[in-house]
Amino acid sequence: MEWLREFLKPELIWFLIGLLLLLAEFMIPGLIVFFFGVGAWIVAVCCLLTDVTLNVQLLIFIISSVLLLVLLRSWVKGIFTGHVTARQNLQEELSEFIGERAIVTQTITPKLAGKVELHGTNWVAEADVEIVEGTAVEVVAKKNITFKVKPV
């Protein structure tokens, strides 16, 4: 029975609760449960250093967990997800290929997209007229990864 008494020490219980909460963070997205796990570890350290009542333990757990969550969540989330330092200019990307010349590698019809080769890469292409394989075309628009082309 003595081993059970050793196992039921508050610092060990709070440490295990913290460990379970930190492991639960891997299954529950959002980086919230993590701070409650750290709060449980703070209570475990307090119990290890001094004798505190259950009410004080719960109070320390709640206050420390909520304070850590409010003060550190955005900073810790930035560490794991990365901070955005620059935004991509989508207008530049869209106009990057407009006016470029390409070669049709798969016949393009108004109802069925074909393929063109531009800078050594094959791209899906659409056109308003039929364009046969081997024809030189000009890119007039880009929608996602599909080029709109016209014969040169």
N, C-alpha and C. Protein backbone atom coordinates (compact mmCIF):
# COMPACT_ATOMS: atom_id res chain seq x y z
N MET A 1 0.81 -1.20 0.00
CA MET A 1 0.00 0.00 0.00
C MET A 1 0.85 1.27 0.00
N GLU A 2 2.10 1.13 0.43
CA GLU A 2 2.99 2.28 0.48
C GLU A 2 3.29 2.81 -0.92
N TRP A 3 3.41 1.92 -1.91
CA TRP A 3 3.69 2.35 -3.28
C TRP A 3 2.54 3.18 -3.83
N LEU A 4 1.32 2.87 -3.42
CA LEU A 4 0.15 3.64 -3.87
C LEU A 4 0.18 5.04 -3.28
N ARG A 5 0.61 5.15 -2.03
CA ARG A 5 0.71 6.46 -1.38
C ARG A 5 1.76 7.31 -2.09
N GLU A 6 2.87 6.69 -2.51
CA GLU A 6 3.91 7.42 -3.24
C GLU A 6 3.38 7.87 -4.60
N PHE A 7 2.55 7.04 -5.22
CA PHE A 7 2.00 7.36 -6.54
C PHE A 7 0.96 8.47 -6.46
N LEU A 8 0.31 8.63 -5.33
CA LEU A 8 -0.75 9.61 -5.19
C LEU A 8 -0.26 10.97 -4.67
N LYS A 9 1.02 11.22 -4.75
CA LYS A 9 1.55 12.52 -4.36
C LYS A 9 1.04 13.56 -5.36
N PRO A 10 0.65 14.74 -4.88
CA PRO A 10 0.08 15.76 -5.77
C PRO A 10 1.02 16.18 -6.90
N GLU A 11 2.32 16.28 -6.60
CA GLU A 11 3.23 16.71 -7.65
C GLU A 11 3.30 15.70 -8.79
N LEU A 12 3.22 14.41 -8.46
CA LEU A 12 3.23 13.38 -9.50
C LEU A 12 1.93 13.39 -10.28
N ILE A 13 0.81 13.56 -9.59
CA ILE A 13 -0.49 13.61 -10.26
C ILE A 13 -0.54 14.79 -11.22
N TRP A 14 -0.12 15.99 -10.77
CA TRP A 14 -0.13 17.17 -11.64
C TRP A 14 0.83 17.02 -12.81
N PHE A 15 1.98 16.38 -12.57
CA PHE A 15 2.93 16.14 -13.66
C PHE A 15 2.30 15.24 -14.73
N LEU A 16 1.64 14.17 -14.29
CA LEU A 16 1.00 13.26 -15.25
C LEU A 16 -0.16 13.92 -15.98
N ILE A 17 -0.93 14.75 -15.27
CA ILE A 17 -2.01 15.49 -15.93
C ILE A 17 -1.42 16.41 -17.00
N GLY A 18 -0.35 17.11 -16.67
CA GLY A 18 0.32 17.98 -17.63
C GLY A 18 0.84 17.21 -18.83
N LEU A 19 1.43 16.05 -18.56
CA LEU A 19 1.93 15.22 -19.66
C LEU A 19 0.79 14.77 -20.57
N LEU A 20 -0.32 14.34 -20.00
CA LEU A 20 -1.47 13.94 -20.81
C LEU A 20 -2.02 15.10 -21.63
N LEU A 21 -2.07 16.28 -21.04
CA LEU A 21 -2.55 17.45 -21.77
C LEU A 21 -1.61 17.83 -22.91
N LEU A 22 -0.31 17.75 -22.67
CA LEU A 22 0.64 18.04 -23.74
C LEU A 22 0.55 17.02 -24.86
N LEU A 23 0.34 15.77 -24.53
CA LEU A 23 0.15 14.75 -25.56
C LEU A 23 -1.18 14.95 -26.29
N ALA A 24 -2.19 15.42 -25.59
CA ALA A 24 -3.49 15.68 -26.22
C ALA A 24 -3.39 16.82 -27.24
N GLU A 25 -2.43 17.72 -27.05
CA GLU A 25 -2.26 18.83 -28.00
C GLU A 25 -1.95 18.33 -29.40
N PHE A 26 -1.30 17.16 -29.50
CA PHE A 26 -1.01 16.59 -30.81
C PHE A 26 -2.27 16.14 -31.53
N MET A 27 -3.32 15.82 -30.78
CA MET A 27 -4.57 15.35 -31.38
C MET A 27 -5.61 16.45 -31.51
N ILE A 28 -5.48 17.50 -30.72
CA ILE A 28 -6.44 18.59 -30.72
C ILE A 28 -5.74 19.83 -31.26
N PRO A 29 -6.08 20.27 -32.47
CA PRO A 29 -5.39 21.43 -33.03
C PRO A 29 -5.79 22.73 -32.33
N GLY A 30 -4.97 23.74 -32.45
CA GLY A 30 -5.32 25.05 -31.94
C GLY A 30 -4.35 25.63 -30.94
N LEU A 31 -3.42 24.85 -30.43
CA LEU A 31 -2.43 25.30 -29.46
C LEU A 31 -3.08 25.97 -28.25
N ILE A 32 -4.05 25.28 -27.65
CA ILE A 32 -4.69 25.77 -26.42
C ILE A 32 -4.42 24.81 -25.28
N VAL A 33 -4.60 23.53 -25.52
CA VAL A 33 -4.42 22.51 -24.49
C VAL A 33 -2.97 22.52 -23.98
N PHE A 34 -2.05 22.90 -24.84
CA PHE A 34 -0.62 22.98 -24.47
C PHE A 34 -0.43 23.83 -23.21
N PHE A 35 -1.09 24.98 -23.16
CA PHE A 35 -0.88 25.90 -22.04
C PHE A 35 -1.49 25.36 -20.74
N PHE A 36 -2.53 24.56 -20.84
CA PHE A 36 -3.08 23.92 -19.64
C PHE A 36 -2.14 22.83 -19.15
N GLY A 37 -1.45 22.16 -20.08
CA GLY A 37 -0.43 21.19 -19.68
C GLY A 37 0.72 21.85 -18.96
N VAL A 38 1.16 23.00 -19.46
CA VAL A 38 2.23 23.74 -18.80
C VAL A 38 1.75 24.25 -17.44
N GLY A 39 0.49 24.69 -17.37
CA GLY A 39 -0.09 25.13 -16.09
C GLY A 39 -0.10 24.00 -15.07
N ALA A 40 -0.40 22.78 -15.52
CA ALA A 40 -0.37 21.63 -14.62
C ALA A 40 1.05 21.37 -14.12
N TRP A 41 2.04 21.57 -14.98
CA TRP A 41 3.43 21.38 -14.56
C TRP A 41 3.87 22.46 -13.58
N ILE A 42 3.35 23.66 -13.74
CA ILE A 42 3.64 24.72 -12.77
C ILE A 42 3.10 24.34 -11.41
N VAL A 43 1.89 23.78 -11.36
CA VAL A 43 1.31 23.33 -10.09
C VAL A 43 2.14 22.19 -9.51
N ALA A 44 2.63 21.30 -10.38
CA ALA A 44 3.46 20.19 -9.91
C ALA A 44 4.72 20.72 -9.23
N VAL A 45 5.34 21.74 -9.81
CA VAL A 45 6.54 22.33 -9.21
C VAL A 45 6.19 23.00 -7.88
N CYS A 46 5.05 23.71 -7.83
CA CYS A 46 4.62 24.34 -6.58
C CYS A 46 4.39 23.29 -5.48
N CYS A 47 3.78 22.17 -5.85
CA CYS A 47 3.53 21.10 -4.88
C CYS A 47 4.83 20.45 -4.43
N LEU A 48 5.80 20.40 -5.31
CA LEU A 48 7.09 19.82 -4.96
C LEU A 48 7.84 20.72 -3.98
N LEU A 49 7.72 22.03 -4.14
CA LEU A 49 8.46 22.97 -3.31
C LEU A 49 7.79 23.28 -1.99
N THR A 50 6.46 23.25 -1.97
CA THR A 50 5.73 23.61 -0.75
C THR A 50 4.45 22.79 -0.64
N ASP A 51 3.90 22.77 0.54
CA ASP A 51 2.67 22.03 0.78
C ASP A 51 1.49 22.98 0.58
N VAL A 52 0.69 22.76 -0.46
CA VAL A 52 -0.46 23.63 -0.74
C VAL A 52 -1.73 22.80 -0.77
N THR A 53 -2.84 23.44 -0.42
CA THR A 53 -4.12 22.74 -0.41
C THR A 53 -4.62 22.54 -1.83
N LEU A 54 -5.62 21.68 -1.97
CA LEU A 54 -6.19 21.39 -3.28
C LEU A 54 -6.80 22.64 -3.90
N ASN A 55 -7.46 23.47 -3.09
CA ASN A 55 -8.05 24.70 -3.62
C ASN A 55 -6.99 25.63 -4.18
N VAL A 56 -5.88 25.76 -3.49
CA VAL A 56 -4.79 26.61 -3.97
C VAL A 56 -4.17 26.00 -5.23
N GLN A 57 -4.05 24.68 -5.27
CA GLN A 57 -3.53 24.02 -6.47
C GLN A 57 -4.41 24.31 -7.68
N LEU A 58 -5.73 24.20 -7.50
CA LEU A 58 -6.65 24.48 -8.61
C LEU A 58 -6.58 25.94 -9.02
N LEU A 59 -6.45 26.83 -8.06
CA LEU A 59 -6.35 28.25 -8.35
C LEU A 59 -5.07 28.56 -9.14
N ILE A 60 -3.96 27.97 -8.72
CA ILE A 60 -2.69 28.15 -9.43
C ILE A 60 -2.81 27.61 -10.85
N PHE A 61 -3.44 26.44 -10.99
CA PHE A 61 -3.61 25.82 -12.31
C PHE A 61 -4.42 26.72 -13.23
N ILE A 62 -5.53 27.21 -12.77
CA ILE A 62 -6.41 28.04 -13.61
C ILE A 62 -5.73 29.36 -13.98
N ILE A 63 -5.17 30.03 -12.98
CA ILE A 63 -4.56 31.34 -13.24
C ILE A 63 -3.36 31.21 -14.17
N SER A 64 -2.48 30.26 -13.88
CA SER A 64 -1.28 30.12 -14.71
C SER A 64 -1.62 29.69 -16.13
N SER A 65 -2.56 28.78 -16.27
CA SER A 65 -2.94 28.30 -17.61
C SER A 65 -3.55 29.42 -18.45
N VAL A 66 -4.47 30.16 -17.86
CA VAL A 66 -5.13 31.24 -18.60
C VAL A 66 -4.15 32.36 -18.92
N LEU A 67 -3.30 32.73 -17.96
CA LEU A 67 -2.31 33.77 -18.22
C LEU A 67 -1.34 33.36 -19.32
N LEU A 68 -0.86 32.15 -19.27
CA LEU A 68 0.04 31.67 -20.32
C LEU A 68 -0.66 31.67 -21.67
N LEU A 69 -1.90 31.24 -21.68
CA LEU A 69 -2.67 31.19 -22.93
C LEU A 69 -2.84 32.58 -23.52
N VAL A 70 -3.23 33.53 -22.70
CA VAL A 70 -3.49 34.89 -23.18
C VAL A 70 -2.19 35.58 -23.60
N LEU A 71 -1.15 35.43 -22.80
CA LEU A 71 0.08 36.18 -23.05
C LEU A 71 1.00 35.56 -24.10
N LEU A 72 1.02 34.24 -24.19
CA LEU A 72 2.04 33.60 -25.03
C LEU A 72 1.52 32.85 -26.25
N ARG A 73 0.22 32.71 -26.42
CA ARG A 73 -0.29 31.87 -27.51
C ARG A 73 0.15 32.36 -28.88
N SER A 74 -0.01 33.64 -29.17
CA SER A 74 0.35 34.13 -30.50
C SER A 74 1.85 34.01 -30.74
N TRP A 75 2.66 34.23 -29.71
CA TRP A 75 4.11 34.11 -29.87
C TRP A 75 4.51 32.66 -30.14
N VAL A 76 3.98 31.72 -29.35
CA VAL A 76 4.32 30.30 -29.53
C VAL A 76 3.77 29.80 -30.87
N LYS A 77 2.58 30.23 -31.23
CA LYS A 77 2.00 29.81 -32.51
C LYS A 77 2.87 30.30 -33.65
N GLY A 78 3.41 31.51 -33.53
CA GLY A 78 4.31 32.04 -34.55
C GLY A 78 5.57 31.21 -34.69
N ILE A 79 6.04 30.66 -33.58
CA ILE A 79 7.24 29.81 -33.63
C ILE A 79 6.96 28.55 -34.44
N PHE A 80 5.80 27.95 -34.24
CA PHE A 80 5.49 26.68 -34.91
C PHE A 80 5.00 26.87 -36.34
N THR A 81 4.27 27.95 -36.60
CA THR A 81 3.72 28.13 -37.94
C THR A 81 4.53 29.08 -38.78
N GLY A 82 5.37 29.89 -38.18
CA GLY A 82 6.18 30.85 -38.91
C GLY A 82 5.49 32.20 -38.98
N HIS A 83 6.29 33.23 -39.01
CA HIS A 83 5.77 34.59 -39.10
C HIS A 83 5.81 35.03 -40.56
N VAL A 84 4.80 35.73 -41.01
CA VAL A 84 4.76 36.23 -42.37
C VAL A 84 5.51 37.56 -42.40
N THR A 85 6.56 37.61 -43.20
CA THR A 85 7.35 38.84 -43.29
C THR A 85 7.05 39.60 -44.57
N ALA A 86 6.54 38.92 -45.59
CA ALA A 86 6.22 39.59 -46.85
C ALA A 86 5.02 38.91 -47.48
N ARG A 87 4.27 39.66 -48.20
CA ARG A 87 3.12 39.13 -48.91
C ARG A 87 3.45 39.07 -50.40
N GLN A 88 2.93 38.04 -51.06
CA GLN A 88 3.15 37.88 -52.48
C GLN A 88 2.20 38.79 -53.25
N ASN A 89 2.70 39.47 -54.23
CA ASN A 89 1.87 40.32 -55.08
C ASN A 89 1.25 39.44 -56.15
N LEU A 90 -0.03 39.15 -56.02
CA LEU A 90 -0.70 38.24 -56.94
C LEU A 90 -0.82 38.83 -58.34
N GLN A 91 -0.89 40.13 -58.48
CA GLN A 91 -0.98 40.75 -59.80
C GLN A 91 0.29 40.51 -60.60
N GLU A 92 1.44 40.56 -59.94
CA GLU A 92 2.69 40.28 -60.64
C GLU A 92 2.74 38.85 -61.11
N GLU A 93 2.29 37.93 -60.28
CA GLU A 93 2.33 36.53 -60.66
C GLU A 93 1.40 36.26 -61.84
N LEU A 94 0.23 36.87 -61.85
CA LEU A 94 -0.72 36.64 -62.92
C LEU A 94 -0.20 37.18 -64.25
N SER A 95 0.49 38.29 -64.21
CA SER A 95 0.94 38.88 -65.46
C SER A 95 2.34 38.40 -65.87
N GLU A 96 2.92 37.53 -65.09
CA GLU A 96 4.28 37.09 -65.34
C GLU A 96 4.45 36.45 -66.72
N PHE A 97 3.49 35.63 -67.15
CA PHE A 97 3.62 34.89 -68.40
C PHE A 97 2.87 35.52 -69.57
N ILE A 98 2.08 36.54 -69.30
CA ILE A 98 1.30 37.15 -70.37
C ILE A 98 2.25 37.80 -71.37
N GLY A 99 1.99 37.50 -72.65
CA GLY A 99 2.84 38.01 -73.73
C GLY A 99 3.95 37.06 -74.12
N GLU A 100 4.19 36.03 -73.32
CA GLU A 100 5.24 35.04 -73.63
C GLU A 100 4.77 34.15 -74.79
N ARG A 101 5.74 33.62 -75.50
CA ARG A 101 5.44 32.70 -76.62
C ARG A 101 5.73 31.28 -76.18
N ALA A 102 4.85 30.38 -76.62
CA ALA A 102 4.98 28.96 -76.27
C ALA A 102 4.70 28.12 -77.51
N ILE A 103 4.96 26.82 -77.41
CA ILE A 103 4.71 25.88 -78.49
C ILE A 103 3.66 24.88 -78.02
N VAL A 104 2.65 24.63 -78.86
CA VAL A 104 1.59 23.67 -78.53
C VAL A 104 2.18 22.27 -78.61
N THR A 105 2.05 21.48 -77.55
CA THR A 105 2.54 20.10 -77.53
C THR A 105 1.39 19.10 -77.61
N GLN A 106 0.18 19.57 -77.37
CA GLN A 106 -1.02 18.73 -77.49
C GLN A 106 -2.13 19.64 -78.04
N THR A 107 -2.78 19.21 -79.09
CA THR A 107 -3.77 20.04 -79.79
C THR A 107 -4.80 20.61 -78.83
N ILE A 108 -5.11 21.90 -79.05
CA ILE A 108 -6.07 22.62 -78.21
C ILE A 108 -7.32 22.87 -79.05
N THR A 109 -8.48 22.57 -78.49
CA THR A 109 -9.76 22.88 -79.15
C THR A 109 -10.57 23.78 -78.22
N PRO A 110 -11.57 24.48 -78.76
CA PRO A 110 -12.37 25.35 -77.89
C PRO A 110 -13.06 24.60 -76.74
N LYS A 111 -13.36 23.31 -76.95
CA LYS A 111 -14.06 22.55 -75.91
C LYS A 111 -13.12 21.70 -75.07
N LEU A 112 -11.90 21.49 -75.53
CA LEU A 112 -10.98 20.60 -74.82
C LEU A 112 -9.62 21.26 -74.70
N ALA A 113 -9.13 21.36 -73.48
CA ALA A 113 -7.83 21.97 -73.24
C ALA A 113 -6.72 21.08 -73.78
N GLY A 114 -5.63 21.71 -74.15
CA GLY A 114 -4.46 20.99 -74.60
C GLY A 114 -3.28 21.36 -73.74
N LYS A 115 -2.08 21.23 -74.33
CA LYS A 115 -0.87 21.56 -73.57
C LYS A 115 0.07 22.40 -74.42
N VAL A 116 0.79 23.28 -73.71
CA VAL A 116 1.83 24.07 -74.35
C VAL A 116 3.10 23.93 -73.53
N GLU A 117 4.24 24.17 -74.23
CA GLU A 117 5.52 24.15 -73.52
C GLU A 117 6.04 25.57 -73.47
N LEU A 118 6.34 26.02 -72.23
CA LEU A 118 6.85 27.37 -72.02
C LEU A 118 8.01 27.28 -71.02
N HIS A 119 9.17 27.75 -71.44
CA HIS A 119 10.37 27.71 -70.59
C HIS A 119 10.68 26.28 -70.11
N GLY A 120 10.46 25.30 -70.97
CA GLY A 120 10.78 23.92 -70.64
C GLY A 120 9.77 23.20 -69.76
N THR A 121 8.63 23.84 -69.50
CA THR A 121 7.61 23.24 -68.65
C THR A 121 6.31 23.12 -69.43
N ASN A 122 5.62 21.99 -69.27
CA ASN A 122 4.32 21.81 -69.92
C ASN A 122 3.22 22.44 -69.07
N TRP A 123 2.33 23.17 -69.72
CA TRP A 123 1.21 23.84 -69.06
C TRP A 123 -0.09 23.46 -69.76
N VAL A 124 -1.17 23.42 -69.01
CA VAL A 124 -2.49 23.22 -69.59
C VAL A 124 -2.87 24.54 -70.26
N ALA A 125 -3.46 24.44 -71.44
CA ALA A 125 -3.81 25.66 -72.18
C ALA A 125 -5.18 25.52 -72.81
N GLU A 126 -5.87 26.67 -72.90
CA GLU A 126 -7.18 26.75 -73.55
C GLU A 126 -7.10 27.81 -74.62
N ALA A 127 -7.98 27.68 -75.62
CA ALA A 127 -8.06 28.68 -76.69
C ALA A 127 -9.48 28.73 -77.22
N ASP A 128 -9.81 29.83 -77.90
CA ASP A 128 -11.14 29.98 -78.50
C ASP A 128 -11.22 29.32 -79.86
N VAL A 129 -10.06 29.00 -80.45
CA VAL A 129 -10.01 28.34 -81.76
C VAL A 129 -9.17 27.09 -81.64
N GLU A 130 -9.29 26.21 -82.61
CA GLU A 130 -8.47 25.00 -82.60
C GLU A 130 -7.04 25.36 -83.01
N ILE A 131 -6.09 24.86 -82.22
CA ILE A 131 -4.67 25.09 -82.50
C ILE A 131 -3.98 23.74 -82.47
N VAL A 132 -3.33 23.39 -83.59
CA VAL A 132 -2.72 22.06 -83.70
C VAL A 132 -1.34 22.03 -83.06
N GLU A 133 -0.89 20.82 -82.81
CA GLU A 133 0.41 20.59 -82.20
C GLU A 133 1.53 21.18 -83.05
N GLY A 134 2.51 21.81 -82.40
CA GLY A 134 3.65 22.40 -83.08
C GLY A 134 3.47 23.86 -83.44
N THR A 135 2.28 24.42 -83.21
CA THR A 135 2.02 25.82 -83.53
C THR A 135 2.55 26.72 -82.42
N ALA A 136 3.11 27.87 -82.84
CA ALA A 136 3.56 28.86 -81.86
C ALA A 136 2.34 29.67 -81.40
N VAL A 137 2.26 29.91 -80.11
CA VAL A 137 1.13 30.65 -79.54
C VAL A 137 1.66 31.72 -78.59
N GLU A 138 0.77 32.67 -78.27
CA GLU A 138 1.09 33.71 -77.31
C GLU A 138 0.14 33.57 -76.12
N VAL A 139 0.67 33.68 -74.92
CA VAL A 139 -0.15 33.61 -73.71
C VAL A 139 -0.85 34.96 -73.55
N VAL A 140 -2.19 34.92 -73.48
CA VAL A 140 -2.96 36.17 -73.33
C VAL A 140 -3.56 36.31 -71.94
N ALA A 141 -3.66 35.21 -71.20
CA ALA A 141 -4.19 35.26 -69.83
C ALA A 141 -3.76 34.01 -69.09
N LYS A 142 -3.85 34.08 -67.77
CA LYS A 142 -3.53 32.93 -66.93
C LYS A 142 -4.56 32.83 -65.83
N LYS A 143 -5.14 31.64 -65.66
CA LYS A 143 -6.11 31.39 -64.60
C LYS A 143 -5.61 30.16 -63.85
N ASN A 144 -5.14 30.39 -62.61
CA ASN A 144 -4.51 29.34 -61.82
C ASN A 144 -3.32 28.77 -62.58
N ILE A 145 -3.39 27.51 -63.01
CA ILE A 145 -2.28 26.91 -63.75
C ILE A 145 -2.65 26.66 -65.20
N THR A 146 -3.69 27.30 -65.68
CA THR A 146 -4.14 27.14 -67.07
C THR A 146 -3.90 28.45 -67.82
N PHE A 147 -3.24 28.32 -68.98
CA PHE A 147 -3.01 29.48 -69.83
C PHE A 147 -4.13 29.62 -70.86
N LYS A 148 -4.48 30.83 -71.16
CA LYS A 148 -5.35 31.14 -72.30
C LYS A 148 -4.41 31.61 -73.38
N VAL A 149 -4.43 30.98 -74.56
CA VAL A 149 -3.48 31.30 -75.61
C VAL A 149 -4.20 31.64 -76.91
N LYS A 150 -3.44 32.27 -77.82
CA LYS A 150 -3.92 32.54 -79.19
C LYS A 150 -2.77 32.28 -80.13
N PRO A 151 -3.09 31.87 -81.37
CA PRO A 151 -2.02 31.61 -82.33
C PRO A 151 -1.27 32.89 -82.66
N VAL A 152 0.01 32.74 -82.97
CA VAL A 152 0.83 33.91 -83.32
C VAL A 152 0.73 34.16 -84.80
